[in-house]
N, C-alpha and C. Protein backbone atom coordinates (compact mmCIF):
# COMPACT_ATOMS: atom_id res chain seq x y z
N MET A 1 -9.58 -16.17 47.38
CA MET A 1 -9.28 -14.76 47.51
C MET A 1 -8.31 -14.30 46.42
N THR A 2 -7.24 -15.08 46.19
CA THR A 2 -6.29 -14.73 45.14
C THR A 2 -6.43 -15.71 43.99
N GLU A 3 -6.03 -15.29 42.81
CA GLU A 3 -6.13 -16.16 41.65
C GLU A 3 -4.77 -16.27 40.98
N GLY A 4 -4.52 -17.45 40.38
CA GLY A 4 -3.27 -17.65 39.67
C GLY A 4 -2.07 -17.75 40.60
N PRO A 5 -0.90 -17.77 40.02
CA PRO A 5 0.31 -17.92 40.83
C PRO A 5 0.63 -16.64 41.58
N SER A 6 1.38 -16.82 42.63
CA SER A 6 1.86 -15.65 43.36
C SER A 6 3.37 -15.59 43.19
N LEU A 7 3.91 -14.45 43.45
CA LEU A 7 5.35 -14.22 43.31
C LEU A 7 5.90 -13.91 44.69
N THR A 8 6.89 -14.69 45.14
CA THR A 8 7.51 -14.48 46.44
C THR A 8 9.01 -14.33 46.25
N VAL A 9 9.57 -13.27 46.81
CA VAL A 9 11.02 -13.03 46.75
C VAL A 9 11.52 -12.65 48.13
N PHE A 10 12.80 -12.83 48.34
CA PHE A 10 13.44 -12.41 49.58
C PHE A 10 14.51 -11.39 49.23
N VAL A 11 14.45 -10.23 49.87
CA VAL A 11 15.43 -9.17 49.67
C VAL A 11 16.27 -9.11 50.95
N PRO A 12 17.54 -9.53 50.88
CA PRO A 12 18.35 -9.53 52.10
C PRO A 12 18.80 -8.12 52.48
N GLY A 13 18.97 -7.92 53.77
CA GLY A 13 19.45 -6.64 54.26
C GLY A 13 18.93 -6.37 55.66
N ARG A 14 19.58 -5.47 56.35
CA ARG A 14 19.19 -5.11 57.71
C ARG A 14 18.24 -3.92 57.65
N LEU A 15 17.03 -4.11 58.16
CA LEU A 15 16.05 -3.03 58.20
C LEU A 15 16.30 -2.14 59.41
N VAL A 16 16.09 -0.86 59.22
CA VAL A 16 16.15 0.09 60.32
C VAL A 16 14.89 0.96 60.26
N ASN A 17 14.49 1.45 61.40
CA ASN A 17 13.34 2.33 61.48
C ASN A 17 13.82 3.75 61.15
N PRO A 18 13.44 4.30 60.00
CA PRO A 18 13.92 5.63 59.63
C PRO A 18 13.36 6.74 60.52
N LEU A 19 12.27 6.45 61.22
CA LEU A 19 11.68 7.46 62.09
C LEU A 19 12.51 7.68 63.36
N ASN A 20 13.37 6.71 63.69
CA ASN A 20 14.20 6.81 64.89
C ASN A 20 15.65 7.19 64.58
N GLN A 21 15.97 7.48 63.34
CA GLN A 21 17.34 7.78 62.94
C GLN A 21 17.55 9.29 62.86
N ARG A 22 18.75 9.70 63.16
CA ARG A 22 19.14 11.11 62.98
C ARG A 22 20.07 11.18 61.77
N TRP A 23 19.48 11.09 60.61
CA TRP A 23 20.22 11.08 59.37
C TRP A 23 20.21 12.46 58.73
N HIS A 24 21.27 12.72 58.00
CA HIS A 24 21.26 13.83 57.06
C HIS A 24 20.32 13.41 55.93
N TRP A 25 19.67 14.35 55.28
CA TRP A 25 18.70 14.01 54.25
C TRP A 25 19.31 13.17 53.14
N ALA A 26 20.58 13.39 52.81
CA ALA A 26 21.21 12.63 51.74
C ALA A 26 21.47 11.18 52.17
N GLU A 27 21.79 10.99 53.43
CA GLU A 27 22.01 9.64 53.94
C GLU A 27 20.70 8.84 53.94
N ARG A 28 19.61 9.50 54.33
CA ARG A 28 18.32 8.82 54.30
C ARG A 28 17.90 8.50 52.88
N ALA A 29 18.14 9.41 51.96
CA ALA A 29 17.80 9.18 50.56
C ALA A 29 18.60 8.01 49.99
N GLN A 30 19.87 7.91 50.36
CA GLN A 30 20.70 6.82 49.88
C GLN A 30 20.20 5.48 50.44
N TRP A 31 19.83 5.46 51.72
CA TRP A 31 19.28 4.25 52.34
C TRP A 31 18.00 3.81 51.59
N ALA A 32 17.09 4.75 51.35
CA ALA A 32 15.83 4.42 50.67
C ALA A 32 16.09 3.97 49.23
N ARG A 33 16.99 4.63 48.53
CA ARG A 33 17.32 4.26 47.15
C ARG A 33 17.89 2.84 47.08
N ARG A 34 18.73 2.50 48.04
CA ARG A 34 19.35 1.17 48.06
C ARG A 34 18.27 0.08 48.25
N TRP A 35 17.35 0.29 49.21
CA TRP A 35 16.28 -0.70 49.41
C TRP A 35 15.35 -0.77 48.21
N ARG A 36 15.05 0.38 47.62
CA ARG A 36 14.16 0.41 46.46
C ARG A 36 14.78 -0.34 45.28
N GLN A 37 16.06 -0.11 45.03
CA GLN A 37 16.75 -0.78 43.92
C GLN A 37 16.88 -2.28 44.16
N ASN A 38 17.23 -2.68 45.38
CA ASN A 38 17.36 -4.10 45.69
C ASN A 38 16.03 -4.82 45.55
N THR A 39 14.95 -4.18 45.96
CA THR A 39 13.62 -4.76 45.80
C THR A 39 13.28 -4.91 44.33
N ALA A 40 13.50 -3.87 43.55
CA ALA A 40 13.19 -3.92 42.12
C ALA A 40 14.01 -4.99 41.41
N LEU A 41 15.28 -5.13 41.76
CA LEU A 41 16.12 -6.16 41.14
C LEU A 41 15.66 -7.56 41.50
N SER A 42 15.33 -7.80 42.75
CA SER A 42 14.89 -9.12 43.19
C SER A 42 13.56 -9.51 42.55
N VAL A 43 12.60 -8.60 42.59
CA VAL A 43 11.28 -8.88 42.03
C VAL A 43 11.36 -8.99 40.51
N GLY A 44 12.11 -8.10 39.88
CA GLY A 44 12.23 -8.13 38.43
C GLY A 44 12.85 -9.41 37.91
N SER A 45 13.86 -9.92 38.60
CA SER A 45 14.49 -11.16 38.14
C SER A 45 13.54 -12.34 38.26
N GLN A 46 12.75 -12.41 39.34
CA GLN A 46 11.79 -13.50 39.49
C GLN A 46 10.63 -13.36 38.51
N ARG A 47 10.26 -12.15 38.19
CA ARG A 47 9.20 -11.93 37.21
C ARG A 47 9.61 -12.50 35.85
N HIS A 48 10.85 -12.29 35.46
CA HIS A 48 11.33 -12.82 34.18
C HIS A 48 11.39 -14.34 34.20
N VAL A 49 11.68 -14.93 35.35
CA VAL A 49 11.67 -16.39 35.47
C VAL A 49 10.26 -16.92 35.25
N LEU A 50 9.25 -16.27 35.85
CA LEU A 50 7.86 -16.70 35.67
C LEU A 50 7.42 -16.54 34.22
N ILE A 51 7.80 -15.45 33.58
CA ILE A 51 7.43 -15.25 32.18
C ILE A 51 8.04 -16.35 31.32
N GLY A 52 9.27 -16.73 31.63
CA GLY A 52 9.94 -17.80 30.89
C GLY A 52 9.31 -19.16 31.10
N HIS A 53 8.59 -19.35 32.20
CA HIS A 53 7.94 -20.62 32.48
C HIS A 53 6.47 -20.64 32.08
N GLY A 54 6.06 -19.75 31.19
CA GLY A 54 4.72 -19.80 30.64
C GLY A 54 3.68 -18.97 31.35
N TYR A 55 4.07 -18.10 32.25
CA TYR A 55 3.10 -17.27 32.96
C TYR A 55 2.95 -15.90 32.30
N ARG A 56 3.20 -15.81 31.01
CA ARG A 56 3.09 -14.53 30.32
C ARG A 56 1.68 -13.96 30.44
N THR A 57 0.65 -14.81 30.37
CA THR A 57 -0.73 -14.32 30.48
C THR A 57 -1.01 -13.80 31.89
N PHE A 58 -0.30 -14.31 32.89
CA PHE A 58 -0.44 -13.82 34.26
C PHE A 58 -0.06 -12.35 34.34
N PHE A 59 0.89 -11.92 33.52
CA PHE A 59 1.36 -10.54 33.56
C PHE A 59 0.69 -9.64 32.54
N THR A 60 -0.29 -10.15 31.77
CA THR A 60 -1.05 -9.31 30.87
C THR A 60 -1.96 -8.42 31.70
N ASN A 61 -1.83 -7.14 31.54
CA ASN A 61 -2.59 -6.15 32.34
C ASN A 61 -2.37 -6.34 33.84
N PHE A 62 -1.24 -6.91 34.21
CA PHE A 62 -0.94 -7.21 35.61
C PHE A 62 -0.78 -5.95 36.44
N ILE A 63 -0.17 -4.92 35.86
CA ILE A 63 0.13 -3.70 36.61
C ILE A 63 -1.15 -3.02 37.10
N GLN A 64 -2.19 -3.03 36.29
CA GLN A 64 -3.41 -2.30 36.63
C GLN A 64 -4.32 -3.05 37.59
N ARG A 65 -4.12 -4.35 37.76
CA ARG A 65 -5.04 -5.15 38.59
C ARG A 65 -4.68 -5.03 40.06
N PRO A 66 -5.69 -5.06 40.96
CA PRO A 66 -5.42 -5.00 42.39
C PRO A 66 -4.71 -6.26 42.88
N LYS A 67 -3.83 -6.08 43.84
CA LYS A 67 -3.03 -7.17 44.34
C LYS A 67 -3.02 -7.21 45.86
N ALA A 68 -2.71 -8.39 46.38
CA ALA A 68 -2.45 -8.55 47.81
C ALA A 68 -0.93 -8.60 47.96
N ILE A 69 -0.38 -7.64 48.66
CA ILE A 69 1.06 -7.54 48.84
C ILE A 69 1.36 -7.76 50.32
N THR A 70 2.19 -8.75 50.60
CA THR A 70 2.54 -9.07 51.98
C THR A 70 4.03 -8.91 52.17
N PHE A 71 4.40 -8.12 53.16
CA PHE A 71 5.80 -7.95 53.54
C PHE A 71 6.01 -8.67 54.86
N VAL A 72 6.98 -9.58 54.89
CA VAL A 72 7.37 -10.25 56.13
C VAL A 72 8.81 -9.83 56.41
N ALA A 73 8.98 -9.01 57.43
CA ALA A 73 10.31 -8.50 57.77
C ALA A 73 10.98 -9.47 58.74
N HIS A 74 12.16 -9.92 58.38
CA HIS A 74 12.98 -10.76 59.25
C HIS A 74 13.95 -9.82 59.96
N VAL A 75 13.68 -9.56 61.24
CA VAL A 75 14.41 -8.53 61.98
C VAL A 75 15.02 -9.12 63.25
N ALA A 76 16.03 -8.42 63.77
CA ALA A 76 16.67 -8.84 65.01
C ALA A 76 15.87 -8.41 66.23
N ARG A 77 15.19 -7.27 66.13
CA ARG A 77 14.34 -6.76 67.22
C ARG A 77 13.02 -6.29 66.63
N ARG A 78 11.96 -6.44 67.40
CA ARG A 78 10.63 -6.06 66.92
C ARG A 78 10.52 -4.56 66.68
N PHE A 79 9.77 -4.20 65.64
CA PHE A 79 9.46 -2.81 65.31
C PHE A 79 8.06 -2.51 65.81
N ASP A 80 7.79 -1.24 66.10
CA ASP A 80 6.41 -0.85 66.35
C ASP A 80 5.72 -0.73 64.99
N PRO A 81 4.37 -0.77 64.95
CA PRO A 81 3.67 -0.82 63.65
C PRO A 81 4.00 0.33 62.70
N ASP A 82 4.08 1.56 63.20
CA ASP A 82 4.37 2.67 62.29
C ASP A 82 5.83 2.63 61.84
N GLY A 83 6.73 2.17 62.68
CA GLY A 83 8.13 2.04 62.30
C GLY A 83 8.34 0.96 61.26
N LEU A 84 7.56 -0.13 61.38
CA LEU A 84 7.68 -1.22 60.40
C LEU A 84 7.22 -0.76 59.03
N SER A 85 6.09 -0.06 58.98
CA SER A 85 5.61 0.41 57.67
C SER A 85 6.56 1.46 57.08
N ALA A 86 7.17 2.30 57.93
CA ALA A 86 8.14 3.29 57.44
C ALA A 86 9.40 2.61 56.92
N ALA A 87 9.84 1.55 57.60
CA ALA A 87 11.04 0.83 57.17
C ALA A 87 10.81 0.10 55.85
N LEU A 88 9.57 -0.31 55.59
CA LEU A 88 9.27 -1.07 54.37
C LEU A 88 8.74 -0.20 53.23
N LYS A 89 8.59 1.10 53.45
CA LYS A 89 8.10 2.01 52.41
C LYS A 89 8.97 1.99 51.15
N PRO A 90 10.32 1.99 51.27
CA PRO A 90 11.12 1.92 50.03
C PRO A 90 10.90 0.62 49.27
N CYS A 91 10.60 -0.47 49.97
CA CYS A 91 10.32 -1.74 49.29
C CYS A 91 9.02 -1.65 48.50
N LEU A 92 8.01 -1.04 49.09
CA LEU A 92 6.75 -0.84 48.38
C LEU A 92 6.95 0.07 47.18
N ASP A 93 7.75 1.12 47.34
CA ASP A 93 8.04 2.01 46.22
C ASP A 93 8.80 1.29 45.11
N GLY A 94 9.63 0.32 45.47
CA GLY A 94 10.40 -0.44 44.48
C GLY A 94 9.53 -1.33 43.60
N LEU A 95 8.28 -1.55 44.01
CA LEU A 95 7.36 -2.35 43.19
C LEU A 95 6.65 -1.50 42.15
N GLY A 96 6.80 -0.20 42.19
CA GLY A 96 6.06 0.73 41.34
C GLY A 96 6.53 0.79 39.90
N GLN A 97 6.19 1.89 39.24
CA GLN A 97 6.45 2.04 37.81
C GLN A 97 7.57 3.02 37.50
N GLY A 98 8.38 3.36 38.47
CA GLY A 98 9.49 4.27 38.20
C GLY A 98 10.46 3.70 37.19
N ARG A 99 11.36 4.51 36.73
CA ARG A 99 12.30 4.10 35.69
C ARG A 99 13.09 2.86 36.10
N ALA A 100 13.51 2.77 37.35
CA ALA A 100 14.32 1.65 37.80
C ALA A 100 13.54 0.70 38.70
N ASP A 101 12.22 0.77 38.72
CA ASP A 101 11.42 -0.06 39.61
C ASP A 101 10.96 -1.34 38.91
N ALA A 102 10.30 -2.21 39.69
CA ALA A 102 9.92 -3.54 39.19
C ALA A 102 8.70 -3.54 38.28
N LYS A 103 7.93 -2.45 38.26
CA LYS A 103 6.73 -2.33 37.41
C LYS A 103 5.71 -3.43 37.70
N MET A 104 5.45 -3.63 39.00
CA MET A 104 4.47 -4.62 39.42
C MET A 104 3.15 -3.97 39.84
N ILE A 105 3.19 -2.71 40.27
CA ILE A 105 1.97 -2.00 40.65
C ILE A 105 1.98 -0.62 39.98
N ALA A 106 0.80 -0.14 39.65
CA ALA A 106 0.70 1.18 39.01
C ALA A 106 0.82 2.30 40.04
N SER A 107 0.29 2.05 41.23
CA SER A 107 0.28 3.07 42.27
C SER A 107 0.18 2.37 43.61
N ASP A 108 0.71 3.02 44.64
CA ASP A 108 0.53 2.44 45.98
C ASP A 108 -0.48 3.25 46.78
N GLY A 109 -1.22 4.08 46.11
CA GLY A 109 -2.26 4.89 46.76
C GLY A 109 -3.49 4.07 47.08
N PRO A 110 -4.37 4.60 47.92
CA PRO A 110 -5.57 3.86 48.31
C PRO A 110 -6.53 3.58 47.16
N ASP A 111 -6.51 4.41 46.12
CA ASP A 111 -7.41 4.21 44.99
C ASP A 111 -7.00 3.05 44.09
N ALA A 112 -5.81 2.50 44.26
CA ALA A 112 -5.32 1.40 43.42
C ALA A 112 -5.98 0.07 43.78
N GLY A 113 -6.50 -0.06 44.99
CA GLY A 113 -7.20 -1.28 45.38
C GLY A 113 -6.33 -2.38 45.95
N HIS A 114 -5.05 -2.11 46.17
CA HIS A 114 -4.16 -3.13 46.73
C HIS A 114 -4.39 -3.27 48.23
N THR A 115 -4.18 -4.49 48.72
CA THR A 115 -4.15 -4.70 50.16
C THR A 115 -2.70 -4.98 50.54
N VAL A 116 -2.17 -4.17 51.41
CA VAL A 116 -0.78 -4.30 51.83
C VAL A 116 -0.78 -4.68 53.30
N SER A 117 -0.09 -5.79 53.62
CA SER A 117 -0.01 -6.22 55.01
C SER A 117 1.46 -6.35 55.40
N TYR A 118 1.72 -6.06 56.66
CA TYR A 118 3.07 -6.08 57.20
C TYR A 118 3.13 -7.06 58.36
N GLU A 119 4.13 -7.92 58.34
CA GLU A 119 4.37 -8.86 59.42
C GLU A 119 5.86 -8.81 59.74
N GLN A 120 6.22 -9.34 60.91
CA GLN A 120 7.63 -9.41 61.26
C GLN A 120 7.93 -10.71 61.98
N VAL A 121 9.12 -11.21 61.73
CA VAL A 121 9.60 -12.45 62.32
C VAL A 121 10.95 -12.15 62.95
N LEU A 122 11.13 -12.57 64.19
CA LEU A 122 12.44 -12.39 64.82
C LEU A 122 13.40 -13.43 64.26
N ASP A 123 14.46 -12.95 63.64
CA ASP A 123 15.46 -13.83 63.03
C ASP A 123 16.79 -13.09 63.03
N ARG A 124 17.65 -13.43 63.96
CA ARG A 124 18.94 -12.73 64.08
C ARG A 124 19.96 -13.21 63.04
N ARG A 125 19.75 -14.40 62.49
CA ARG A 125 20.73 -14.94 61.54
C ARG A 125 20.55 -14.39 60.12
N ILE A 126 19.33 -14.46 59.63
CA ILE A 126 19.06 -14.03 58.25
C ILE A 126 18.06 -12.88 58.31
N GLN A 127 18.52 -11.69 57.96
CA GLN A 127 17.66 -10.52 58.02
C GLN A 127 17.35 -10.04 56.61
N GLY A 128 16.16 -9.50 56.46
CA GLY A 128 15.72 -9.00 55.16
C GLY A 128 14.21 -8.95 55.11
N VAL A 129 13.68 -8.92 53.90
CA VAL A 129 12.23 -8.79 53.69
C VAL A 129 11.78 -9.85 52.69
N GLU A 130 10.75 -10.59 53.07
CA GLU A 130 10.11 -11.52 52.16
C GLU A 130 8.86 -10.84 51.62
N ILE A 131 8.77 -10.75 50.30
CA ILE A 131 7.67 -10.04 49.65
C ILE A 131 6.86 -11.04 48.83
N THR A 132 5.55 -11.08 49.06
CA THR A 132 4.65 -11.93 48.28
C THR A 132 3.62 -11.04 47.59
N ILE A 133 3.48 -11.24 46.28
CA ILE A 133 2.53 -10.47 45.47
C ILE A 133 1.58 -11.46 44.80
N ALA A 134 0.30 -11.26 44.99
CA ALA A 134 -0.70 -12.12 44.38
C ALA A 134 -1.87 -11.27 43.88
N LEU A 135 -2.51 -11.72 42.83
CA LEU A 135 -3.69 -11.02 42.31
C LEU A 135 -4.88 -11.23 43.23
N LEU A 136 -5.70 -10.20 43.38
CA LEU A 136 -6.93 -10.33 44.18
C LEU A 136 -8.05 -10.87 43.32
């Protein structure tokens, strides 16, 4: 199903369901920006490690190719499906092509051909998101 190496990173942090929060718009924007930046930094640093280990051809035209993206949320309490996808939306945005993003995907729209899956693991000690990106 997938070809070549995959990239797996862990972004530490406590996830919250933004649909259940009563935030001021600026507070919500700050929360989303923080997750987006942390995702971009984690993925970007691992991408440079792979390029340094000879996977430069893996990243040739990498942005345009469809990928399988898996998010595994390590949470203290289970989320409902729509809350989980809303909580992980800034992480998906952090993989995009914005100025400060990881530049791993061109678009997260349905026409891009990516398959995005969400899972969750109950883990009260270590919370965060494990992200795996592989070519389809």
